[in-house]
C-alpha atoms as a PDB file:
ATOM      1  CA  UNK A   1       3.483   9.888 -26.667  1.00  0.00           C
ATOM      2  CA  UNK A   2       3.397   6.573 -25.037  1.00  0.00           C
ATOM      3  CA  UNK A   3       0.753   5.901 -21.908  1.00  0.00           C
ATOM      4  CA  UNK A   4       2.999   3.802 -19.875  1.00  0.00           C
ATOM      5  CA  UNK A   5       1.851   0.298 -18.651  1.00  0.00           C
ATOM      6  CA  UNK A   6       1.817   1.958 -14.948  1.00  0.00           C
ATOM      7  CA  UNK A   7      -0.623   4.799 -15.720  1.00  0.00           C
ATOM      8  CA  UNK A   8      -2.878   2.525 -17.493  1.00  0.00           C
ATOM      9  CA  UNK A   9      -3.014   0.073 -14.339  1.00  0.00           C
ATOM     10  CA  UNK A  10      -3.182   2.754 -12.133  1.00  0.00           C
ATOM     11  CA  UNK A  11      -6.066   4.295 -14.063  1.00  0.00           C
ATOM     12  CA  UNK A  12      -7.776   1.050 -14.749  1.00  0.00           C
ATOM     13  CA  UNK A  13      -7.383   0.495 -10.679  1.00  0.00           C
ATOM     14  CA  UNK A  14      -8.137   3.701  -9.518  1.00  0.00           C
ATOM     15  CA  UNK A  15     -11.646   3.699 -11.654  1.00  0.00           C
ATOM     16  CA  UNK A  16     -12.387   0.148 -10.299  1.00  0.00           C
ATOM     17  CA  UNK A  17     -12.202   1.860  -6.607  1.00  0.00           C
ATOM     18  CA  UNK A  18     -14.098   4.857  -7.974  1.00  0.00           C
ATOM     19  CA  UNK A  19     -17.225   2.878  -9.153  1.00  0.00           C
ATOM     20  CA  UNK A  20     -17.139   0.951  -5.636  1.00  0.00           C
ATOM     21  CA  UNK A  21     -18.914   2.274  -2.816  1.00  0.00           C
ATOM     22  CA  UNK A  22     -16.898   5.082  -1.132  1.00  0.00           C
ATOM     23  CA  UNK A  23     -17.045   2.908   2.469  1.00  0.00           C
ATOM     24  CA  UNK A  24     -16.023  -0.427   0.763  1.00  0.00           C
ATOM     25  CA  UNK A  25     -12.530  -1.097   0.664  1.00  0.00           C
ATOM     26  CA  UNK A  26     -11.171  -2.984  -2.110  1.00  0.00           C
ATOM     27  CA  UNK A  27      -8.530  -5.708  -2.130  1.00  0.00           C
ATOM     28  CA  UNK A  28      -5.783  -5.787  -5.056  1.00  0.00           C
ATOM     29  CA  UNK A  29      -7.050  -9.115  -5.827  1.00  0.00           C
ATOM     30  CA  UNK A  30     -10.338  -7.981  -6.331  1.00  0.00           C
ATOM     31  CA  UNK A  31      -9.596  -5.142  -7.983  1.00  0.00           C
ATOM     32  CA  UNK A  32      -7.204  -7.370 -10.370  1.00  0.00           C
ATOM     33  CA  UNK A  33      -9.745  -9.861 -10.889  1.00  0.00           C
ATOM     34  CA  UNK A  34     -12.331  -7.063 -12.371  1.00  0.00           C
ATOM     35  CA  UNK A  35      -9.711  -5.559 -14.524  1.00  0.00           C
ATOM     36  CA  UNK A  36      -7.749  -8.121 -15.554  1.00  0.00           C
ATOM     37  CA  UNK A  37      -4.343  -6.937 -14.213  1.00  0.00           C
ATOM     38  CA  UNK A  38      -1.277  -8.995 -12.407  1.00  0.00           C
ATOM     39  CA  UNK A  39      -1.394  -8.756  -8.787  1.00  0.00           C
ATOM     40  CA  UNK A  40       2.276  -8.573  -7.821  1.00  0.00           C
ATOM     41  CA  UNK A  41       2.348  -5.203 -10.316  1.00  0.00           C
ATOM     42  CA  UNK A  42      -0.448  -3.709  -8.939  1.00  0.00           C
ATOM     43  CA  UNK A  43       0.828  -3.778  -5.415  1.00  0.00           C
ATOM     44  CA  UNK A  44       3.591  -1.941  -6.903  1.00  0.00           C
ATOM     45  CA  UNK A  45       1.638   0.669  -8.072  1.00  0.00           C
ATOM     46  CA  UNK A  46      -0.595   0.619  -5.166  1.00  0.00           C
ATOM     47  CA  UNK A  47       2.533   1.673  -2.431  1.00  0.00           C
ATOM     48  CA  UNK A  48       2.952   4.482  -5.070  1.00  0.00           C
ATOM     49  CA  UNK A  49      -0.734   5.564  -4.813  1.00  0.00           C
ATOM     50  CA  UNK A  50      -0.680   5.519  -1.159  1.00  0.00           C
ATOM     51  CA  UNK A  51       3.150   7.104  -1.083  1.00  0.00           C
ATOM     52  CA  UNK A  52       1.161  10.309  -3.006  1.00  0.00           C
ATOM     53  CA  UNK A  53      -1.755  10.303  -1.080  1.00  0.00           C
ATOM     54  CA  UNK A  54      -4.288   8.915  -3.426  1.00  0.00           C
ATOM     55  CA  UNK A  55      -5.400   6.016  -1.803  1.00  0.00           C
ATOM     56  CA  UNK A  56      -5.878   4.818   1.465  1.00  0.00           C
ATOM     57  CA  UNK A  57      -5.445   1.448   3.067  1.00  0.00           C
ATOM     58  CA  UNK A  58      -7.349  -0.687   5.638  1.00  0.00           C
ATOM     59  CA  UNK A  59      -5.935  -3.466   7.406  1.00  0.00           C
ATOM     60  CA  UNK A  60      -7.504  -6.527   8.464  1.00  0.00           C
ATOM     61  CA  UNK A  61      -9.625  -8.836   7.023  1.00  0.00           C
ATOM     62  CA  UNK A  62     -12.532  -6.935   5.444  1.00  0.00           C
ATOM     63  CA  UNK A  63      -9.034  -4.403   4.520  1.00  0.00           C
ATOM     64  CA  UNK A  64      -8.153  -3.012   0.831  1.00  0.00           C
ATOM     65  CA  UNK A  65      -7.969   0.130  -0.438  1.00  0.00           C
ATOM     66  CA  UNK A  66      -9.952   3.121  -0.744  1.00  0.00           C
ATOM     67  CA  UNK A  67      -9.717   6.531  -2.636  1.00  0.00           C
ATOM     68  CA  UNK A  68      -8.097   8.984  -0.486  1.00  0.00           C
ATOM     69  CA  UNK A  69      -9.991  11.989  -2.363  1.00  0.00           C
ATOM     70  CA  UNK A  70     -13.056  12.777  -4.146  1.00  0.00           C
ATOM     71  CA  UNK A  71     -12.835  11.426  -7.817  1.00  0.00           C
ATOM     72  CA  UNK A  72     -13.313  15.026  -8.830  1.00  0.00           C
ATOM     73  CA  UNK A  73     -10.361  16.152  -6.998  1.00  0.00           C
ATOM     74  CA  UNK A  74      -7.833  13.141  -8.750  1.00  0.00           C
ATOM     75  CA  UNK A  75      -6.831  14.484 -12.030  1.00  0.00           C
ATOM     76  CA  UNK A  76      -4.787  12.084 -14.829  1.00  0.00           C
ATOM     77  CA  UNK A  77      -1.623  14.365 -14.077  1.00  0.00           C
ATOM     78  CA  UNK A  78      -2.046  13.303 -10.095  1.00  0.00           C
ATOM     79  CA  UNK A  79      -1.869   9.600 -11.218  1.00  0.00           C
ATOM     80  CA  UNK A  80       0.563   9.903 -13.607  1.00  0.00           C
ATOM     81  CA  UNK A  81       3.218  11.595 -11.492  1.00  0.00           C
ATOM     82  CA  UNK A  82       2.117   8.922  -8.664  1.00  0.00           C
ATOM     83  CA  UNK A  83       3.258   6.013 -10.581  1.00  0.00           C
ATOM     84  CA  UNK A  84       5.516   7.238 -13.457  1.00  0.00           C
ATOM     85  CA  UNK A  85       8.288   9.415 -12.957  1.00  0.00           C
ATOM     86  CA  UNK A  86       8.841  10.163 -16.283  1.00  0.00           C
ATOM     87  CA  UNK A  87       5.428  10.662 -17.660  1.00  0.00           C
ATOM     88  CA  UNK A  88       6.428  13.227 -20.128  1.00  0.00           C
ATOM     89  CA  UNK A  89       9.865  13.515 -21.035  1.00  0.00           C
ATOM     90  CA  UNK A  90      11.221  15.196 -23.810  1.00  0.00           C
ATOM     91  CA  UNK A  91      13.432  13.490 -26.118  1.00  0.00           C
ATOM     92  CA  UNK A  92      17.031  14.601 -25.130  1.00  0.00           C
ATOM     93  CA  UNK A  93      15.862  15.706 -21.256  1.00  0.00           C
ATOM     94  CA  UNK A  94      19.193  17.244 -20.693  1.00  0.00           C
ATOM     95  CA  UNK A  95      20.881  13.770 -21.207  1.00  0.00           C
ATOM     96  CA  UNK A  96      24.720  14.367 -22.014  1.00  0.00           C
ATOM     97  CA  UNK A  97      24.501  11.099 -24.220  1.00  0.00           C
ATOM     98  CA  UNK A  98      21.649  12.754 -26.437  1.00  0.00           C
ATOM     99  CA  UNK A  99      23.730  16.001 -26.939  1.00  0.00           C
ATOM    100  CA  UNK A 100      25.495  13.861 -30.224  1.00  0.00           C
ATOM    101  CA  UNK A 101      22.221  14.449 -31.827  1.00  0.00           C
ATOM    102  CA  UNK A 102      21.472  17.903 -31.127  1.00  0.00           C
ATOM    103  CA  UNK A 103      22.310  20.714 -33.340  1.00  0.00           C
ATOM    104  CA  UNK A 104      24.119  22.943 -31.110  1.00  0.00           C
ATOM    105  CA  UNK A 105      23.940  23.651 -27.040  1.00  0.00           C
ATOM    106  CA  UNK A 106      22.255  25.057 -25.556  1.00  0.00           C
ATOM    107  CA  UNK A 107      19.323  22.803 -27.473  1.00  0.00           C
ATOM    108  CA  UNK A 108      17.721  25.325 -29.832  1.00  0.00           C
ATOM    109  CA  UNK A 109      14.716  23.183 -29.207  1.00  0.00           C
ATOM    110  CA  UNK A 110      14.417  23.360 -25.892  1.00  0.00           C
ATOM    111  CA  UNK A 111      11.833  26.132 -25.583  1.00  0.00           C
ATOM    112  CA  UNK A 112       9.620  24.390 -27.788  1.00  0.00           C
ATOM    113  CA  UNK A 113      10.206  20.687 -25.768  1.00  0.00           C
ATOM    114  CA  UNK A 114       9.347  22.729 -22.712  1.00  0.00           C
ATOM    115  CA  UNK A 115       6.119  24.318 -24.062  1.00  0.00           C
ATOM    116  CA  UNK A 116       4.870  21.238 -24.929  1.00  0.00           C
ATOM    117  CA  UNK A 117       5.732  19.737 -21.693  1.00  0.00           C
ATOM    118  CA  UNK A 118       3.830  22.317 -20.137  1.00  0.00           C
ATOM    119  CA  UNK A 119       0.912  21.962 -22.252  1.00  0.00           C
ATOM    120  CA  UNK A 120       0.557  18.322 -21.849  1.00  0.00           C
ATOM    121  CA  UNK A 121       0.781  18.565 -18.104  1.00  0.00           C
ATOM    122  CA  UNK A 122      -1.995  21.284 -18.261  1.00  0.00           C
ATOM    123  CA  UNK A 123      -4.352  18.883 -20.225  1.00  0.00           C
ATOM    124  CA  UNK A 124      -3.453  15.964 -17.865  1.00  0.00           C
ATOM    125  CA  UNK A 125      -4.554  17.772 -15.009  1.00  0.00           C
ATOM    126  CA  UNK A 126      -8.146  19.074 -16.839  1.00  0.00           C
ATOM    127  CA  UNK A 127      -8.842  15.502 -16.532  1.00  0.00           C
ATOM    128  CA  UNK A 128     -10.348  14.133 -13.706  1.00  0.00           C
ATOM    129  CA  UNK A 129     -11.023  10.717 -12.362  1.00  0.00           C
ATOM    130  CA  UNK A 130     -15.114  11.394 -12.392  1.00  0.00           C
ATOM    131  CA  UNK A 131     -14.852  12.321 -16.389  1.00  0.00           C
ATOM    132  CA  UNK A 132     -12.842   8.789 -16.906  1.00  0.00           C
ATOM    133  CA  UNK A 133     -15.524   6.871 -15.091  1.00  0.00           C
ATOM    134  CA  UNK A 134     -18.452   9.011 -16.939  1.00  0.00           C
ATOM    135  CA  UNK A 135     -16.718   7.727 -19.855  1.00  0.00           C
ATOM    136  CA  UNK A 136     -16.891   3.813 -19.013  1.00  0.00           C
END
């Protein structure tokens, strides 16, 4: 399994917000400077994070972004779902073009892949932003 660049950058950016004082917004430029991230790409990620309710934006010269929730209320799964629509996808994912590789329809492995996906989602849900920050 690969963690996408979107997820990696989102986690890095959110940890930067998490270690920052809760009442002091950070600009994308400041976040990117501290984390060595590309600002244009991070802007796209922050639109998704804001849409998902994980961050709030503050407008104006001293504006920027703040976490919209407590750090122990944000899971890795929340972050992954916000920025990466295919964060846990089995090989075929019901794609008819992949059926050429199947041993039959319905796929005999579907239940296994669904179980693994469920276990991964539960695991990602158990990891909280505060735990990630504690490991830094």
